[in-house]
Amino acid sequence: MKSSKVISERGMIYDLEGTGHKVVKRWFYPKSQYNLEYITVIAERMEKKYNEIREMTCPDEL
Protein backbone atom coordinates (compact mmCIF):
# COMPACT_ATOMS: atom_id res chain seq x y z
CA MET A 1 0.00 0.00 0.00
CA LYS A 2 1.35 3.40 -0.97
CA SER A 3 2.02 6.11 1.55
CA SER A 4 -0.91 8.48 1.74
CA LYS A 5 -2.20 11.17 3.99
CA VAL A 6 -5.01 10.16 6.30
CA ILE A 7 -6.96 13.25 7.26
CA SER A 8 -8.31 13.64 10.78
CA GLU A 9 -10.81 16.03 12.31
CA ARG A 10 -10.22 17.18 15.88
CA GLY A 11 -12.66 18.23 18.55
CA MET A 12 -12.76 19.07 22.24
CA ILE A 13 -13.96 16.90 25.07
CA TYR A 14 -14.19 18.09 28.66
CA ASP A 15 -13.54 16.10 31.80
CA LEU A 16 -15.44 16.46 35.09
CA GLU A 17 -13.19 19.31 36.20
CA GLY A 18 -13.99 21.26 33.04
CA THR A 19 -10.56 20.81 31.47
CA GLY A 20 -10.72 20.60 27.68
CA HIS A 21 -8.80 17.96 25.75
CA LYS A 22 -8.23 18.02 22.00
CA VAL A 23 -8.94 14.60 20.53
CA VAL A 24 -9.34 13.12 17.08
CA LYS A 25 -13.03 12.54 16.50
CA ARG A 26 -13.13 11.53 12.86
CA TRP A 27 -10.72 9.91 10.40
CA PHE A 28 -10.86 10.14 6.59
CA TYR A 29 -9.08 7.41 4.59
CA PRO A 30 -8.69 7.85 0.81
CA LYS A 31 -10.82 5.17 -0.89
CA SER A 32 -8.25 4.78 -3.65
CA GLN A 33 -5.61 3.57 -1.18
CA TYR A 34 -7.49 1.77 1.63
CA ASN A 35 -10.03 -1.02 1.38
CA LEU A 36 -12.96 -1.50 3.73
CA GLU A 37 -11.49 -4.59 5.41
CA TYR A 38 -8.32 -2.74 6.40
CA ILE A 39 -10.25 0.25 7.76
CA THR A 40 -12.57 -2.07 9.69
CA VAL A 41 -9.59 -3.66 11.48
CA ILE A 42 -8.27 -0.22 12.43
CA ALA A 43 -11.72 0.92 13.60
CA GLU A 44 -12.17 -2.15 15.79
CA ARG A 45 -8.79 -1.54 17.44
CA MET A 46 -9.68 2.10 18.10
CA GLU A 47 -13.09 1.17 19.50
CA LYS A 48 -11.49 -1.30 21.91
CA LYS A 49 -8.99 1.31 23.07
CA TYR A 50 -11.65 4.00 23.55
CA ASN A 51 -13.89 1.59 25.47
CA GLU A 52 -11.00 0.74 27.81
CA ILE A 53 -10.39 4.45 28.43
CA ARG A 54 -14.10 5.05 28.98
CA GLU A 55 -14.28 2.20 31.50
CA MET A 56 -11.48 3.82 33.49
CA THR A 57 -12.83 7.38 33.34
CA CYS A 58 -16.61 6.96 33.30
CA PRO A 59 -17.49 3.51 34.70
CA ASP A 60 -21.00 4.60 35.76
CA GLU A 61 -22.03 5.54 32.21
CA LEU A 62 -21.58 2.08 30.70
PDB file of N, CA and C in Angstrom:
ATOM      1  N   MET A   1       0.839  -1.170   0.000  1.00  0.00           N
ATOM      2  CA  MET A   1       0.000   0.000   0.000  1.00  0.00           C
ATOM      3  C   MET A   1       0.889   1.239   0.000  1.00  0.00           C
ATOM      4  N   LYS A   2       0.551   2.194  -0.856  1.00  0.00           N
ATOM      5  CA  LYS A   2       1.349   3.398  -0.971  1.00  0.00           C
ATOM      6  C   LYS A   2       1.147   4.300   0.235  1.00  0.00           C
ATOM      7  N   SER A   3       2.135   5.126   0.476  1.00  0.00           N
ATOM      8  CA  SER A   3       2.019   6.109   1.552  1.00  0.00           C
ATOM      9  C   SER A   3       0.990   7.157   1.142  1.00  0.00           C
ATOM     10  N   SER A   4       0.083   7.460   2.034  1.00  0.00           N
ATOM     11  CA  SER A   4      -0.911   8.485   1.745  1.00  0.00           C
ATOM     12  C   SER A   4      -1.212   9.253   3.014  1.00  0.00           C
ATOM     13  N   LYS A   5      -1.863  10.350   2.844  1.00  0.00           N
ATOM     14  CA  LYS A   5      -2.196  11.174   3.993  1.00  0.00           C
ATOM     15  C   LYS A   5      -3.617  10.864   4.451  1.00  0.00           C
ATOM     16  N   VAL A   6      -3.715  10.375   5.681  1.00  0.00           N
ATOM     17  CA  VAL A   6      -5.007  10.160   6.298  1.00  0.00           C
ATOM     18  C   VAL A   6      -5.365  11.461   7.001  1.00  0.00           C
ATOM     19  N   ILE A   7      -6.534  11.976   6.704  1.00  0.00           N
ATOM     20  CA  ILE A   7      -6.963  13.254   7.258  1.00  0.00           C
ATOM     21  C   ILE A   7      -7.776  12.986   8.524  1.00  0.00           C
ATOM     22  N   SER A   8      -7.546  13.790   9.540  1.00  0.00           N
ATOM     23  CA  SER A   8      -8.312  13.639  10.775  1.00  0.00           C
ATOM     24  C   SER A   8      -8.954  14.969  11.152  1.00  0.00           C
ATOM     25  N   GLU A   9     -10.086  14.866  11.827  1.00  0.00           N
ATOM     26  CA  GLU A   9     -10.811  16.034  12.314  1.00  0.00           C
ATOM     27  C   GLU A   9     -10.749  16.008  13.832  1.00  0.00           C
ATOM     28  N   ARG A  10     -10.377  17.120  14.425  1.00  0.00           N
ATOM     29  CA  ARG A  10     -10.224  17.184  15.880  1.00  0.00           C
ATOM     30  C   ARG A  10     -11.392  17.923  16.520  1.00  0.00           C
ATOM     31  N   GLY A  11     -11.624  17.574  17.768  1.00  0.00           N
ATOM     32  CA  GLY A  11     -12.665  18.235  18.545  1.00  0.00           C
ATOM     33  C   GLY A  11     -12.232  18.323  19.992  1.00  0.00           C
ATOM     34  N   MET A  12     -13.062  18.909  20.819  1.00  0.00           N
ATOM     35  CA  MET A  12     -12.759  19.067  22.240  1.00  0.00           C
ATOM     36  C   MET A  12     -13.705  18.212  23.064  1.00  0.00           C
ATOM     37  N   ILE A  13     -13.143  17.549  24.069  1.00  0.00           N
ATOM     38  CA  ILE A  13     -13.961  16.896  25.075  1.00  0.00           C
ATOM     39  C   ILE A  13     -13.549  17.493  26.418  1.00  0.00           C
ATOM     40  N   TYR A  14     -14.455  17.483  27.366  1.00  0.00           N
ATOM     41  CA  TYR A  14     -14.194  18.095  28.660  1.00  0.00           C
ATOM     42  C   TYR A  14     -14.366  17.053  29.756  1.00  0.00           C
ATOM     43  N   ASP A  15     -13.430  17.036  30.689  1.00  0.00           N
ATOM     44  CA  ASP A  15     -13.536  16.102  31.803  1.00  0.00           C
ATOM     45  C   ASP A  15     -14.398  16.717  32.907  1.00  0.00           C
ATOM     46  N   LEU A  16     -14.563  16.003  34.007  1.00  0.00           N
ATOM     47  CA  LEU A  16     -15.438  16.456  35.093  1.00  0.00           C
ATOM     48  C   LEU A  16     -14.984  17.760  35.732  1.00  0.00           C
ATOM     49  N   GLU A  17     -13.702  18.063  35.646  1.00  0.00           N
ATOM     50  CA  GLU A  17     -13.189  19.311  36.201  1.00  0.00           C
ATOM     51  C   GLU A  17     -13.328  20.480  35.227  1.00  0.00           C
ATOM     52  N   GLY A  18     -13.813  20.215  34.035  1.00  0.00           N
ATOM     53  CA  GLY A  18     -13.986  21.264  33.038  1.00  0.00           C
ATOM     54  C   GLY A  18     -12.773  21.506  32.168  1.00  0.00           C
ATOM     55  N   THR A  19     -11.758  20.669  32.292  1.00  0.00           N
ATOM     56  CA  THR A  19     -10.560  20.807  31.469  1.00  0.00           C
ATOM     57  C   THR A  19     -10.834  20.254  30.080  1.00  0.00           C
ATOM     58  N   GLY A  20     -10.510  21.021  29.065  1.00  0.00           N
ATOM     59  CA  GLY A  20     -10.716  20.597  27.683  1.00  0.00           C
ATOM     60  C   GLY A  20      -9.535  19.805  27.159  1.00  0.00           C
ATOM     61  N   HIS A  21      -9.831  18.795  26.367  1.00  0.00           N
ATOM     62  CA  HIS A  21      -8.803  17.962  25.752  1.00  0.00           C
ATOM     63  C   HIS A  21      -9.091  17.857  24.267  1.00  0.00           C
ATOM     64  N   LYS A  22      -8.082  18.182  23.441  1.00  0.00           N
ATOM     65  CA  LYS A  22      -8.233  18.020  21.997  1.00  0.00           C
ATOM     66  C   LYS A  22      -8.040  16.559  21.639  1.00  0.00           C
ATOM     67  N   VAL A  23      -9.008  16.000  20.938  1.00  0.00           N
ATOM     68  CA  VAL A  23      -8.937  14.602  20.534  1.00  0.00           C
ATOM     69  C   VAL A  23      -9.354  14.477  19.071  1.00  0.00           C
ATOM     70  N   VAL A  24      -8.909  13.406  18.445  1.00  0.00           N
ATOM     71  CA  VAL A  24      -9.341  13.122  17.081  1.00  0.00           C
ATOM     72  C   VAL A  24     -10.727  12.507  17.169  1.00  0.00           C
ATOM     73  N   LYS A  25     -11.678  13.062  16.436  1.00  0.00           N
ATOM     74  CA  LYS A  25     -13.035  12.539  16.499  1.00  0.00           C
ATOM     75  C   LYS A  25     -13.479  11.891  15.195  1.00  0.00           C
ATOM     76  N   ARG A  26     -12.752  12.116  14.139  1.00  0.00           N
ATOM     77  CA  ARG A  26     -13.135  11.526  12.859  1.00  0.00           C
ATOM     78  C   ARG A  26     -11.893  11.361  11.988  1.00  0.00           C
ATOM     79  N   TRP A  27     -11.838  10.220  11.292  1.00  0.00           N
ATOM     80  CA  TRP A  27     -10.718   9.913  10.397  1.00  0.00           C
ATOM     81  C   TRP A  27     -11.248   9.777   8.985  1.00  0.00           C
ATOM     82  N   PHE A  28     -10.480  10.255   7.999  1.00  0.00           N
ATOM     83  CA  PHE A  28     -10.856  10.138   6.593  1.00  0.00           C
ATOM     84  C   PHE A  28      -9.733   9.412   5.850  1.00  0.00           C
ATOM     85  N   TYR A  29     -10.040   8.224   5.339  1.00  0.00           N
ATOM     86  CA  TYR A  29      -9.076   7.409   4.593  1.00  0.00           C
ATOM     87  C   TYR A  29      -9.402   7.494   3.107  1.00  0.00           C
ATOM     88  N   PRO A  30      -8.428   7.807   2.244  1.00  0.00           N
ATOM     89  CA  PRO A  30      -8.693   7.851   0.812  1.00  0.00           C
ATOM     90  C   PRO A  30      -9.136   6.476   0.289  1.00  0.00           C
ATOM     91  N   LYS A  31     -10.288   6.431  -0.369  1.00  0.00           N
ATOM     92  CA  LYS A  31     -10.818   5.169  -0.895  1.00  0.00           C
ATOM     93  C   LYS A  31      -9.869   4.518  -1.896  1.00  0.00           C
ATOM     94  N   SER A  32      -9.134   5.329  -2.620  1.00  0.00           N
ATOM     95  CA  SER A  32      -8.252   4.780  -3.651  1.00  0.00           C
ATOM     96  C   SER A  32      -7.071   4.013  -3.066  1.00  0.00           C
ATOM     97  N   GLN A  33      -6.789   4.198  -1.758  1.00  0.00           N
ATOM     98  CA  GLN A  33      -5.611   3.571  -1.179  1.00  0.00           C
ATOM     99  C   GLN A  33      -5.908   2.648  -0.002  1.00  0.00           C
ATOM    100  N   TYR A  34      -7.139   2.626   0.494  1.00  0.00           N
ATOM    101  CA  TYR A  34      -7.490   1.773   1.629  1.00  0.00           C
ATOM    102  C   TYR A  34      -8.784   1.033   1.315  1.00  0.00           C
ATOM    103  N   ASN A  35      -8.791  -0.277   1.583  1.00  0.00           N
ATOM    104  CA  ASN A  35     -10.027  -1.018   1.376  1.00  0.00           C
ATOM    105  C   ASN A  35     -10.813  -1.107   2.679  1.00  0.00           C
ATOM    106  N   LEU A  36     -12.068  -1.485   2.578  1.00  0.00           N
ATOM    107  CA  LEU A  36     -12.961  -1.502   3.730  1.00  0.00           C
ATOM    108  C   LEU A  36     -12.494  -2.473   4.810  1.00  0.00           C
ATOM    109  N   GLU A  37     -11.954  -3.611   4.429  1.00  0.00           N
ATOM    110  CA  GLU A  37     -11.493  -4.594   5.412  1.00  0.00           C
ATOM    111  C   GLU A  37     -10.367  -4.026   6.278  1.00  0.00           C
ATOM    112  N   TYR A  38      -9.439  -3.333   5.665  1.00  0.00           N
ATOM    113  CA  TYR A  38      -8.316  -2.744   6.400  1.00  0.00           C
ATOM    114  C   TYR A  38      -8.811  -1.679   7.377  1.00  0.00           C
ATOM    115  N   ILE A  39      -9.709  -0.816   6.916  1.00  0.00           N
ATOM    116  CA  ILE A  39     -10.247   0.250   7.763  1.00  0.00           C
ATOM    117  C   ILE A  39     -11.068  -0.339   8.907  1.00  0.00           C
ATOM    118  N   THR A  40     -11.780  -1.421   8.647  1.00  0.00           N
ATOM    119  CA  THR A  40     -12.570  -2.070   9.693  1.00  0.00           C
ATOM    120  C   THR A  40     -11.674  -2.587  10.813  1.00  0.00           C
ATOM    121  N   VAL A  41     -10.538  -3.174  10.467  1.00  0.00           N
ATOM    122  CA  VAL A  41      -9.595  -3.661  11.478  1.00  0.00           C
ATOM    123  C   VAL A  41      -9.096  -2.492  12.336  1.00  0.00           C
ATOM    124  N   ILE A  42      -8.742  -1.395  11.699  1.00  0.00           N
ATOM    125  CA  ILE A  42      -8.268  -0.218  12.427  1.00  0.00           C
ATOM    126  C   ILE A  42      -9.375   0.316  13.337  1.00  0.00           C
ATOM    127  N   ALA A  43     -10.593   0.400  12.817  1.00  0.00           N
ATOM    128  CA  ALA A  43     -11.724   0.923  13.596  1.00  0.00           C
ATOM    129  C   ALA A  43     -12.012   0.052  14.817  1.00  0.00           C
ATOM    130  N   GLU A  44     -11.929  -1.255  14.661  1.00  0.00           N
ATOM    131  CA  GLU A  44     -12.175  -2.151  15.792  1.00  0.00           C
ATOM    132  C   GLU A  44     -11.108  -1.983  16.874  1.00  0.00           C
ATOM    133  N   ARG A  45      -9.868  -1.781  16.464  1.00  0.00           N
ATOM    134  CA  ARG A  45      -8.792  -1.536  17.437  1.00  0.00           C
ATOM    135  C   ARG A  45      -9.026  -0.232  18.194  1.00  0.00           C
ATOM    136  N   MET A  46      -9.414   0.815  17.459  1.00  0.00           N
ATOM    137  CA  MET A  46      -9.677   2.105  18.103  1.00  0.00           C
ATOM    138  C   MET A  46     -10.865   2.003  19.053  1.00  0.00           C
ATOM    139  N   GLU A  47     -11.912   1.320  18.644  1.00  0.00           N
ATOM    140  CA  GLU A  47     -13.087   1.173  19.502  1.00  0.00           C
ATOM    141  C   GLU A  47     -12.734   0.462  20.802  1.00  0.00           C
ATOM    142  N   LYS A  48     -11.916  -0.577  20.712  1.00  0.00           N
ATOM    143  CA  LYS A  48     -11.487  -1.303  21.907  1.00  0.00           C
ATOM    144  C   LYS A  48     -10.708  -0.379  22.836  1.00  0.00           C
ATOM    145  N   LYS A  49      -9.800   0.396  22.269  1.00  0.00           N
ATOM    146  CA  LYS A  49      -8.985   1.314  23.065  1.00  0.00           C
ATOM    147  C   LYS A  49      -9.866   2.371  23.743  1.00  0.00           C
ATOM    148  N   TYR A  50     -10.783   2.970  22.989  1.00  0.00           N
ATOM    149  CA  TYR A  50     -11.649   4.002  23.552  1.00  0.00           C
ATOM    150  C   TYR A  50     -12.567   3.438  24.625  1.00  0.00           C
ATOM    151  N   ASN A  51     -13.054   2.210  24.447  1.00  0.00           N
ATOM    152  CA  ASN A  51     -13.894   1.591  25.469  1.00  0.00           C
ATOM    153  C   ASN A  51     -13.110   1.337  26.754  1.00  0.00           C
ATOM    154  N   GLU A  52     -11.847   0.941  26.630  1.00  0.00           N
ATOM    155  CA  GLU A  52     -11.001   0.743  27.806  1.00  0.00           C
ATOM    156  C   GLU A  52     -10.798   2.063  28.555  1.00  0.00           C
ATOM    157  N   ILE A  53     -10.560   3.132  27.813  1.00  0.00           N
ATOM    158  CA  ILE A  53     -10.386   4.454  28.430  1.00  0.00           C
ATOM    159  C   ILE A  53     -11.690   4.884  29.096  1.00  0.00           C
ATOM    160  N   ARG A  54     -12.800   4.660  28.421  1.00  0.00           N
ATOM    161  CA  ARG A  54     -14.096   5.050  28.976  1.00  0.00           C
ATOM    162  C   ARG A  54     -14.411   4.275  30.255  1.00  0.00           C
ATOM    163  N   GLU A  55     -14.053   3.004  30.285  1.00  0.00           N
ATOM    164  CA  GLU A  55     -14.280   2.197  31.498  1.00  0.00           C
ATOM    165  C   GLU A  55     -13.497   2.756  32.687  1.00  0.00           C
ATOM    166  N   MET A  56     -12.303   3.269  32.421  1.00  0.00           N
ATOM    167  CA  MET A  56     -11.479   3.824  33.495  1.00  0.00           C
ATOM    168  C   MET A  56     -11.983   5.191  33.950  1.00  0.00           C
ATOM    169  N   THR A  57     -12.477   6.006  33.015  1.00  0.00           N
ATOM    170  CA  THR A  57     -12.827   7.376  33.336  1.00  0.00           C
ATOM    171  C   THR A  57     -14.303   7.591  33.657  1.00  0.00           C
ATOM    172  N   CYS A  58     -15.172   6.771  33.091  1.00  0.00           N
ATOM    173  CA  CYS A  58     -16.613   6.956  33.295  1.00  0.00           C
ATOM    174  C   CYS A  58     -17.306   5.609  33.508  1.00  0.00           C
ATOM    175  N   PRO A  59     -16.940   4.852  34.537  1.00  0.00           N
ATOM    176  CA  PRO A  59     -17.494   3.514  34.698  1.00  0.00           C
ATOM    177  C   PRO A  59     -19.009   3.499  34.928  1.00  0.00           C
ATOM    178  N   ASP A  60     -19.571   4.559  35.491  1.00  0.00           N
ATOM    179  CA  ASP A  60     -21.000   4.603  35.763  1.00  0.00           C
ATOM    180  C   ASP A  60     -21.859   4.794  34.523  1.00  0.00           C
ATOM    181  N   GLU A  61     -21.261   5.249  33.421  1.00  0.00           N
ATOM    182  CA  GLU A  61     -22.028   5.540  32.208  1.00  0.00           C
ATOM    183  C   GLU A  61     -22.160   4.343  31.279  1.00  0.00           C
ATOM    184  N   LEU A  62     -21.530   3.233  31.590  1.00  0.00           N
ATOM    185  CA  LEU A  62     -21.578   2.077  30.700  1.00  0.00           C
ATOM    186  C   LEU A  62     -22.779   1.237  30.938  1.00  0.00           C
TER     187      LEU A  62
END
